[in-house]
């Protein structure tokens, strides 16, 4: 049998189609899990705590479901427009001090389009992670603000009980 004749046989064609669809589904599941699961985070030395409150922030919604969180908020540095988005939510366990990073997506917030004459339209962030594998306890919510080349860890003064 020649490999060019495979498309003529129905059994082989169906098997190849099912195998291809299965591989695509596995890839999608792995991609989804990597985006939705928390990642253990170690604070690098080049990240500073925002002790002078130069980054204004707010949490618009914080919902804890049975297996998933939904967090949305915003953050911008005073006197600086937000041109590039690169922020994340960080949860820090109060007892163990372990940190977990959640990938976020950019959320456009029209109310913050012009703050003090600066364009802060890209300052919104949203995450909908699962919290499987995280120990139970009380967590402090931080924003890892890395927009426009900054490296700041911002305390939101919010706590979450998992």
N, C-alpha and C. Protein backbone atom coordinates (compact mmCIF):
# COMPACT_ATOMS: atom_id res chain seq x y z
N UNK A 1 0.85 -1.18 0.00
CA UNK A 1 0.00 0.00 0.00
C UNK A 1 0.90 1.25 0.00
N UNK A 2 0.60 2.15 -0.84
CA UNK A 2 1.35 3.39 -0.97
C UNK A 2 0.76 4.44 -0.02
N UNK A 3 1.60 5.27 0.57
CA UNK A 3 1.10 6.26 1.54
C UNK A 3 0.23 7.31 0.86
N UNK A 4 0.34 7.47 -0.42
CA UNK A 4 -0.53 8.41 -1.13
C UNK A 4 -1.96 7.89 -1.27
N UNK A 5 -2.16 6.61 -1.06
CA UNK A 5 -3.49 6.01 -1.17
C UNK A 5 -4.27 6.03 0.15
N UNK A 6 -3.72 6.58 1.21
CA UNK A 6 -4.37 6.57 2.52
C UNK A 6 -5.70 7.32 2.51
N UNK A 7 -5.78 8.39 1.80
CA UNK A 7 -7.01 9.17 1.84
C UNK A 7 -8.17 8.42 1.19
N UNK A 8 -7.90 7.41 0.42
CA UNK A 8 -8.96 6.64 -0.21
C UNK A 8 -9.61 5.70 0.81
N UNK A 9 -8.84 5.14 1.72
CA UNK A 9 -9.38 4.21 2.71
C UNK A 9 -10.05 4.98 3.84
N UNK A 10 -11.28 4.68 4.09
CA UNK A 10 -12.07 5.39 5.09
C UNK A 10 -11.60 5.17 6.52
N UNK A 11 -11.19 3.95 6.85
CA UNK A 11 -10.76 3.65 8.22
C UNK A 11 -9.54 4.47 8.62
N UNK A 12 -8.56 4.52 7.77
CA UNK A 12 -7.33 5.26 8.08
C UNK A 12 -7.62 6.75 8.16
N UNK A 13 -8.43 7.23 7.25
CA UNK A 13 -8.79 8.66 7.25
C UNK A 13 -9.50 9.04 8.55
N UNK A 14 -10.43 8.21 8.99
CA UNK A 14 -11.17 8.49 10.23
C UNK A 14 -10.22 8.46 11.43
N UNK A 15 -9.31 7.50 11.45
CA UNK A 15 -8.36 7.40 12.57
C UNK A 15 -7.45 8.63 12.62
N UNK A 16 -6.97 9.06 11.47
CA UNK A 16 -6.11 10.24 11.42
C UNK A 16 -6.87 11.49 11.86
N UNK A 17 -8.11 11.60 11.45
CA UNK A 17 -8.93 12.75 11.82
C UNK A 17 -9.19 12.77 13.32
N UNK A 18 -9.54 11.63 13.89
CA UNK A 18 -9.77 11.54 15.34
C UNK A 18 -8.49 11.82 16.11
N UNK A 19 -7.37 11.30 15.66
CA UNK A 19 -6.09 11.55 16.31
C UNK A 19 -5.73 13.04 16.25
N UNK A 20 -5.94 13.67 15.11
CA UNK A 20 -5.65 15.11 14.98
C UNK A 20 -6.52 15.95 15.89
N UNK A 21 -7.82 15.65 15.94
CA UNK A 21 -8.74 16.39 16.83
C UNK A 21 -8.36 16.15 18.29
N UNK A 22 -7.98 14.92 18.63
CA UNK A 22 -7.56 14.62 20.00
C UNK A 22 -6.33 15.41 20.40
N UNK A 23 -5.36 15.52 19.51
CA UNK A 23 -4.14 16.27 19.81
C UNK A 23 -4.45 17.76 19.99
N UNK A 24 -5.34 18.29 19.18
CA UNK A 24 -5.74 19.70 19.33
C UNK A 24 -6.43 19.92 20.67
N UNK A 25 -7.29 18.99 21.07
CA UNK A 25 -7.99 19.11 22.36
C UNK A 25 -7.00 19.06 23.53
N UNK A 26 -6.03 18.16 23.46
CA UNK A 26 -5.02 18.07 24.52
C UNK A 26 -4.23 19.37 24.61
N UNK A 27 -3.85 19.92 23.47
CA UNK A 27 -3.13 21.19 23.45
C UNK A 27 -3.97 22.31 24.07
N UNK A 28 -5.25 22.38 23.75
CA UNK A 28 -6.12 23.41 24.31
C UNK A 28 -6.29 23.27 25.82
N UNK A 29 -6.41 22.04 26.30
CA UNK A 29 -6.54 21.81 27.74
C UNK A 29 -5.27 22.24 28.47
N UNK A 30 -4.11 21.89 27.93
CA UNK A 30 -2.84 22.28 28.56
C UNK A 30 -2.69 23.79 28.55
N UNK A 31 -3.04 24.44 27.45
CA UNK A 31 -2.96 25.90 27.38
C UNK A 31 -3.90 26.54 28.39
N UNK A 32 -5.13 26.05 28.50
CA UNK A 32 -6.09 26.59 29.45
C UNK A 32 -5.59 26.42 30.88
N UNK A 33 -5.09 25.24 31.20
CA UNK A 33 -4.62 25.01 32.56
C UNK A 33 -3.41 25.87 32.91
N UNK A 34 -2.53 26.11 31.96
CA UNK A 34 -1.37 26.95 32.26
C UNK A 34 -1.79 28.40 32.49
N UNK A 35 -2.87 28.83 31.87
CA UNK A 35 -3.34 30.20 32.06
C UNK A 35 -4.17 30.33 33.33
N UNK A 36 -4.92 29.30 33.69
CA UNK A 36 -5.87 29.40 34.78
C UNK A 36 -5.32 28.95 36.14
N UNK A 37 -4.23 28.22 36.17
CA UNK A 37 -3.72 27.72 37.44
C UNK A 37 -2.72 28.71 38.04
N UNK A 38 -2.66 28.77 39.37
CA UNK A 38 -1.69 29.67 40.00
C UNK A 38 -0.28 29.15 39.83
N UNK A 39 0.64 30.07 39.72
CA UNK A 39 2.05 29.72 39.59
C UNK A 39 2.77 30.21 40.84
N UNK A 40 3.59 29.34 41.43
CA UNK A 40 4.37 29.72 42.60
C UNK A 40 5.31 30.84 42.19
N UNK A 41 5.41 31.86 43.02
CA UNK A 41 6.18 33.04 42.66
C UNK A 41 7.21 33.35 43.75
N UNK A 42 8.42 33.63 43.32
CA UNK A 42 9.49 34.05 44.23
C UNK A 42 9.84 35.48 43.87
N UNK A 43 9.83 36.34 44.84
CA UNK A 43 10.07 37.77 44.62
C UNK A 43 11.52 38.00 44.24
N UNK A 44 11.78 38.48 43.01
CA UNK A 44 13.16 38.76 42.60
C UNK A 44 13.72 39.97 43.36
N UNK A 45 15.02 40.09 43.32
CA UNK A 45 15.67 41.18 44.04
C UNK A 45 15.42 42.54 43.41
N UNK A 46 15.17 42.58 42.11
CA UNK A 46 15.01 43.87 41.44
C UNK A 46 13.60 44.46 41.57
N UNK A 47 12.71 43.80 42.29
CA UNK A 47 11.36 44.32 42.50
C UNK A 47 11.31 45.02 43.84
N UNK A 48 10.80 46.25 43.82
CA UNK A 48 10.71 47.05 45.03
C UNK A 48 9.26 47.10 45.52
N UNK A 49 9.09 47.20 46.82
CA UNK A 49 7.76 47.42 47.38
C UNK A 49 7.39 48.88 47.21
N UNK A 50 6.16 49.14 46.87
CA UNK A 50 5.70 50.51 46.67
C UNK A 50 5.33 51.11 48.02
N UNK A 51 6.32 51.50 48.79
CA UNK A 51 6.08 52.04 50.13
C UNK A 51 5.65 53.50 50.10
N UNK A 52 5.92 54.21 49.00
CA UNK A 52 5.56 55.63 48.90
C UNK A 52 4.21 55.83 48.24
N UNK A 53 3.49 54.75 47.95
CA UNK A 53 2.17 54.80 47.33
C UNK A 53 2.16 55.60 46.04
N UNK A 54 3.15 55.38 45.19
CA UNK A 54 3.18 56.06 43.90
C UNK A 54 2.24 55.40 42.89
N UNK A 55 1.88 54.14 43.14
CA UNK A 55 0.95 53.43 42.25
C UNK A 55 -0.43 53.45 42.89
N UNK A 56 -1.34 54.15 42.24
CA UNK A 56 -2.74 54.17 42.69
C UNK A 56 -3.40 52.91 42.17
N UNK A 57 -4.23 52.29 43.01
CA UNK A 57 -4.87 51.04 42.61
C UNK A 57 -6.23 50.91 43.25
N UNK A 58 -6.99 50.02 42.71
CA UNK A 58 -8.31 49.72 43.25
C UNK A 58 -8.75 48.35 42.78
N UNK A 59 -9.51 47.67 43.63
CA UNK A 59 -10.08 46.38 43.28
C UNK A 59 -11.57 46.61 43.06
N UNK A 60 -12.02 46.37 41.82
CA UNK A 60 -13.43 46.62 41.48
C UNK A 60 -14.32 45.45 41.87
N UNK A 61 -13.84 44.23 41.68
CA UNK A 61 -14.64 43.07 42.09
C UNK A 61 -13.70 41.96 42.56
N UNK A 62 -14.16 41.27 43.58
CA UNK A 62 -13.41 40.16 44.17
C UNK A 62 -14.42 39.10 44.55
N UNK A 63 -14.46 38.04 43.77
CA UNK A 63 -15.44 36.98 43.99
C UNK A 63 -14.71 35.66 44.17
N UNK A 64 -15.07 34.94 45.24
CA UNK A 64 -14.48 33.63 45.50
C UNK A 64 -15.57 32.59 45.34
N UNK A 65 -15.40 31.73 44.35
CA UNK A 65 -16.31 30.62 44.15
C UNK A 65 -15.80 29.39 44.86
N UNK A 66 -16.34 28.25 44.50
CA UNK A 66 -15.94 27.01 45.15
C UNK A 66 -14.53 26.59 44.77
N UNK A 67 -14.16 26.81 43.50
CA UNK A 67 -12.83 26.40 43.03
C UNK A 67 -12.11 27.50 42.27
N UNK A 68 -12.72 28.66 42.15
CA UNK A 68 -12.16 29.69 41.27
C UNK A 68 -12.35 31.07 41.89
N UNK A 69 -11.39 31.94 41.60
CA UNK A 69 -11.48 33.33 41.99
C UNK A 69 -11.79 34.17 40.76
N UNK A 70 -12.38 35.31 40.98
CA UNK A 70 -12.54 36.30 39.93
C UNK A 70 -12.15 37.65 40.53
N UNK A 71 -11.07 38.21 40.01
CA UNK A 71 -10.53 39.46 40.53
C UNK A 71 -10.41 40.44 39.37
N UNK A 72 -10.92 41.64 39.57
CA UNK A 72 -10.69 42.69 38.58
C UNK A 72 -10.38 43.98 39.31
N UNK A 73 -9.50 44.75 38.73
CA UNK A 73 -9.09 46.01 39.35
C UNK A 73 -8.30 46.85 38.38
N UNK A 74 -7.60 47.83 38.92
CA UNK A 74 -6.81 48.73 38.09
C UNK A 74 -5.62 49.23 38.89
N UNK A 75 -4.60 49.68 38.17
CA UNK A 75 -3.40 50.23 38.80
C UNK A 75 -2.68 51.12 37.79
N UNK A 76 -2.28 52.30 38.24
CA UNK A 76 -1.47 53.19 37.41
C UNK A 76 -0.53 53.98 38.31
N UNK A 77 0.60 54.36 37.76
CA UNK A 77 1.58 55.13 38.51
C UNK A 77 1.29 56.61 38.30
N UNK A 78 1.29 57.34 39.40
CA UNK A 78 0.99 58.78 39.33
C UNK A 78 1.99 59.49 38.44
N UNK A 79 1.46 60.37 37.59
CA UNK A 79 2.31 61.17 36.72
C UNK A 79 2.88 60.42 35.54
N UNK A 80 2.33 59.24 35.24
CA UNK A 80 2.87 58.42 34.15
C UNK A 80 1.70 57.77 33.40
N UNK A 81 1.70 57.93 32.08
CA UNK A 81 0.68 57.27 31.26
C UNK A 81 0.98 55.77 31.17
N UNK A 82 -0.06 54.98 31.01
CA UNK A 82 0.10 53.54 30.88
C UNK A 82 0.08 53.20 29.39
N UNK A 83 1.27 52.95 28.85
CA UNK A 83 1.37 52.64 27.42
C UNK A 83 1.36 51.14 27.17
N UNK A 84 2.09 50.38 27.97
CA UNK A 84 2.14 48.93 27.81
C UNK A 84 1.61 48.26 29.07
N UNK A 85 0.84 47.19 28.88
CA UNK A 85 0.24 46.46 30.00
C UNK A 85 1.08 45.23 30.32
N UNK A 86 1.47 45.12 31.60
CA UNK A 86 2.20 43.95 32.05
C UNK A 86 2.07 43.85 33.56
N UNK A 87 0.87 43.64 34.05
CA UNK A 87 0.62 43.54 35.48
C UNK A 87 0.01 42.19 35.81
N UNK A 88 0.18 41.76 37.07
CA UNK A 88 -0.36 40.48 37.53
C UNK A 88 -0.86 40.64 38.95
N UNK A 89 -1.73 39.71 39.34
CA UNK A 89 -2.15 39.63 40.74
C UNK A 89 -1.27 38.63 41.45
N UNK A 90 -0.92 38.95 42.69
CA UNK A 90 -0.11 38.08 43.54
C UNK A 90 -0.90 37.84 44.83
N UNK A 91 -0.99 36.58 45.24
CA UNK A 91 -1.56 36.24 46.54
C UNK A 91 -0.44 35.74 47.44
N UNK A 92 -0.38 36.30 48.64
CA UNK A 92 0.66 35.92 49.59
C UNK A 92 0.01 35.34 50.84
N UNK A 93 0.35 34.10 51.17
CA UNK A 93 -0.18 33.44 52.35
C UNK A 93 0.38 34.11 53.60
N UNK A 94 -0.50 34.49 54.51
CA UNK A 94 -0.04 35.19 55.72
C UNK A 94 0.80 34.31 56.63
N UNK A 95 0.50 33.02 56.70
CA UNK A 95 1.23 32.12 57.60
C UNK A 95 2.56 31.67 57.00
N UNK A 96 2.51 31.16 55.78
CA UNK A 96 3.71 30.55 55.19
C UNK A 96 4.55 31.54 54.38
N UNK A 97 3.99 32.71 54.06
CA UNK A 97 4.67 33.74 53.25
C UNK A 97 4.89 33.29 51.81
N UNK A 98 4.28 32.16 51.38
CA UNK A 98 4.41 31.72 50.00
C UNK A 98 3.55 32.60 49.11
N UNK A 99 4.07 32.87 47.90
CA UNK A 99 3.36 33.74 46.98
C UNK A 99 2.96 32.96 45.73
N UNK A 100 1.81 33.34 45.17
CA UNK A 100 1.29 32.73 43.96
C UNK A 100 0.92 33.84 42.98
N UNK A 101 1.34 33.65 41.74
CA UNK A 101 1.11 34.66 40.70
C UNK A 101 0.00 34.19 39.77
N UNK A 102 -0.93 35.09 39.48
CA UNK A 102 -2.02 34.80 38.55
C UNK A 102 -1.85 35.64 37.30
N UNK A 103 -1.92 34.98 36.16
CA UNK A 103 -1.86 35.71 34.90
C UNK A 103 -3.13 36.54 34.75
N UNK A 104 -2.97 37.70 34.19
CA UNK A 104 -4.10 38.60 34.03
C UNK A 104 -4.27 38.98 32.57
N UNK A 105 -5.44 39.47 32.28
CA UNK A 105 -5.70 40.03 30.96
C UNK A 105 -6.02 41.51 31.13
N UNK A 106 -5.73 42.27 30.10
CA UNK A 106 -5.96 43.70 30.15
C UNK A 106 -7.45 43.97 30.07
N UNK A 107 -7.89 44.92 30.88
CA UNK A 107 -9.29 45.32 30.88
C UNK A 107 -9.33 46.83 30.65
N UNK A 108 -10.08 47.25 29.67
CA UNK A 108 -10.20 48.68 29.37
C UNK A 108 -11.19 49.29 30.34
N UNK A 109 -10.77 50.37 31.02
CA UNK A 109 -11.63 51.07 31.96
C UNK A 109 -11.79 52.50 31.46
N UNK A 110 -12.94 52.78 30.90
CA UNK A 110 -13.19 54.09 30.28
C UNK A 110 -13.09 55.24 31.29
N UNK A 111 -13.47 55.00 32.54
CA UNK A 111 -13.46 56.06 33.55
C UNK A 111 -12.04 56.56 33.84
N UNK A 112 -11.05 55.74 33.57
CA UNK A 112 -9.66 56.10 33.84
C UNK A 112 -8.90 56.42 32.55
N UNK A 113 -9.64 56.80 31.52
CA UNK A 113 -8.99 57.09 30.24
C UNK A 113 -8.00 58.24 30.39
N UNK A 114 -8.43 59.34 30.98
CA UNK A 114 -7.53 60.47 31.20
C UNK A 114 -7.48 60.79 32.69
N UNK A 115 -6.35 60.51 33.31
CA UNK A 115 -6.13 60.82 34.72
C UNK A 115 -5.05 61.89 34.77
N UNK A 116 -5.39 63.04 35.27
CA UNK A 116 -4.47 64.18 35.33
C UNK A 116 -3.88 64.48 33.95
N UNK A 117 -4.70 64.32 32.91
CA UNK A 117 -4.25 64.60 31.55
C UNK A 117 -3.41 63.51 30.91
N UNK A 118 -3.25 62.38 31.58
CA UNK A 118 -2.46 61.27 31.06
C UNK A 118 -3.37 60.11 30.67
N UNK A 119 -2.99 59.39 29.64
CA UNK A 119 -3.78 58.27 29.14
C UNK A 119 -3.53 57.03 30.00
N UNK A 120 -4.52 56.64 30.79
CA UNK A 120 -4.42 55.45 31.64
C UNK A 120 -5.48 54.42 31.28
N UNK A 121 -5.87 54.39 30.01
CA UNK A 121 -6.90 53.46 29.55
C UNK A 121 -6.49 52.01 29.74
N UNK A 122 -5.21 51.69 29.65
CA UNK A 122 -4.70 50.32 29.75
C UNK A 122 -4.39 49.88 31.17
N UNK A 123 -4.95 50.53 32.16
CA UNK A 123 -4.56 50.21 33.54
C UNK A 123 -5.41 49.13 34.19
N UNK A 124 -6.44 48.63 33.53
CA UNK A 124 -7.29 47.62 34.12
C UNK A 124 -6.73 46.23 33.97
N UNK A 125 -6.96 45.37 34.97
CA UNK A 125 -6.50 43.99 34.90
C UNK A 125 -7.55 43.07 35.48
N UNK A 126 -7.63 41.87 34.92
CA UNK A 126 -8.63 40.91 35.34
C UNK A 126 -8.03 39.51 35.32
N UNK A 127 -8.37 38.72 36.33
CA UNK A 127 -7.92 37.33 36.41
C UNK A 127 -9.07 36.45 36.88
N UNK A 128 -9.14 35.25 36.34
CA UNK A 128 -10.14 34.27 36.74
C UNK A 128 -9.45 32.92 36.98
N UNK A 129 -8.59 32.86 37.98
CA UNK A 129 -7.81 31.62 38.17
C UNK A 129 -8.54 30.60 39.05
N UNK A 130 -8.12 29.35 38.90
CA UNK A 130 -8.49 28.30 39.83
C UNK A 130 -7.48 28.34 40.97
N UNK A 131 -7.88 27.91 42.16
CA UNK A 131 -6.92 27.90 43.27
C UNK A 131 -6.68 26.49 43.78
N UNK A 132 -6.65 25.51 42.85
CA UNK A 132 -6.27 24.15 43.21
C UNK A 132 -4.81 24.13 43.63
N UNK A 133 -4.50 23.35 44.64
CA UNK A 133 -3.11 23.19 45.05
C UNK A 133 -2.61 24.27 46.00
N UNK A 134 -3.41 25.27 46.25
CA UNK A 134 -3.00 26.32 47.20
C UNK A 134 -3.48 25.93 48.59
N UNK A 135 -2.62 26.04 49.60
CA UNK A 135 -3.04 25.70 50.96
C UNK A 135 -4.13 26.65 51.45
N UNK A 136 -4.99 26.12 52.29
CA UNK A 136 -6.05 26.95 52.86
C UNK A 136 -5.43 27.96 53.81
N UNK A 137 -6.09 29.11 53.93
CA UNK A 137 -5.60 30.16 54.81
C UNK A 137 -6.01 31.52 54.31
N UNK A 138 -5.47 32.53 54.94
CA UNK A 138 -5.75 33.92 54.57
C UNK A 138 -4.61 34.43 53.70
N UNK A 139 -4.97 35.06 52.60
CA UNK A 139 -4.01 35.57 51.63
C UNK A 139 -4.16 37.08 51.48
N UNK A 140 -3.03 37.74 51.36
CA UNK A 140 -3.01 39.17 51.05
C UNK A 140 -2.91 39.33 49.54
N UNK A 141 -3.66 40.30 49.00
CA UNK A 141 -3.68 40.52 47.57
C UNK A 141 -2.75 41.66 47.20
N UNK A 142 -1.84 41.40 46.26
CA UNK A 142 -0.90 42.39 45.75
C UNK A 142 -1.06 42.50 44.25
N UNK A 143 -0.59 43.61 43.70
CA UNK A 143 -0.49 43.78 42.25
C UNK A 143 0.98 43.90 41.91
N UNK A 144 1.43 43.05 41.01
CA UNK A 144 2.79 43.14 40.50
C UNK A 144 2.74 44.09 39.31
N UNK A 145 3.15 45.33 39.53
CA UNK A 145 3.03 46.40 38.54
C UNK A 145 4.32 46.46 37.72
N UNK A 146 4.24 45.99 36.48
CA UNK A 146 5.39 46.00 35.59
C UNK A 146 5.07 46.72 34.28
N UNK A 147 4.07 47.59 34.32
CA UNK A 147 3.72 48.37 33.14
C UNK A 147 4.85 49.34 32.82
N UNK A 148 5.13 49.52 31.54
CA UNK A 148 6.11 50.50 31.06
C UNK A 148 7.48 50.35 31.72
N UNK A 149 7.90 49.12 31.98
CA UNK A 149 9.23 48.88 32.51
C UNK A 149 9.38 49.05 34.01
N UNK A 150 8.31 49.29 34.73
CA UNK A 150 8.37 49.42 36.19
C UNK A 150 8.48 48.03 36.82
N UNK A 151 8.95 47.97 38.06
CA UNK A 151 9.04 46.72 38.81
C UNK A 151 8.63 47.00 40.25
N UNK A 152 7.33 47.08 40.49
CA UNK A 152 6.83 47.42 41.82
C UNK A 152 5.82 46.39 42.30
N UNK A 153 5.87 46.08 43.57
CA UNK A 153 4.88 45.23 44.21
C UNK A 153 3.99 46.13 45.05
N UNK A 154 2.71 46.16 44.72
CA UNK A 154 1.77 47.11 45.31
C UNK A 154 0.78 46.36 46.21
N UNK A 155 0.68 46.79 47.45
CA UNK A 155 -0.27 46.21 48.40
C UNK A 155 -1.64 46.82 48.16
N UNK A 156 -2.65 45.97 47.98
CA UNK A 156 -4.01 46.47 47.75
C UNK A 156 -4.83 46.56 49.03
N UNK A 157 -4.31 46.09 50.15
CA UNK A 157 -4.99 46.06 51.44
C UNK A 157 -6.21 45.15 51.44
N UNK A 158 -6.28 44.23 50.51
CA UNK A 158 -7.38 43.27 50.43
C UNK A 158 -6.90 41.91 50.93
N UNK A 159 -7.78 41.18 51.60
CA UNK A 159 -7.47 39.83 52.07
C UNK A 159 -8.51 38.87 51.57
N UNK A 160 -8.07 37.64 51.27
CA UNK A 160 -8.95 36.60 50.76
C UNK A 160 -8.76 35.36 51.60
N UNK A 161 -9.85 34.77 52.06
CA UNK A 161 -9.80 33.51 52.80
C UNK A 161 -10.11 32.37 51.84
N UNK A 162 -9.16 31.46 51.69
CA UNK A 162 -9.37 30.28 50.83
C UNK A 162 -9.59 29.05 51.69
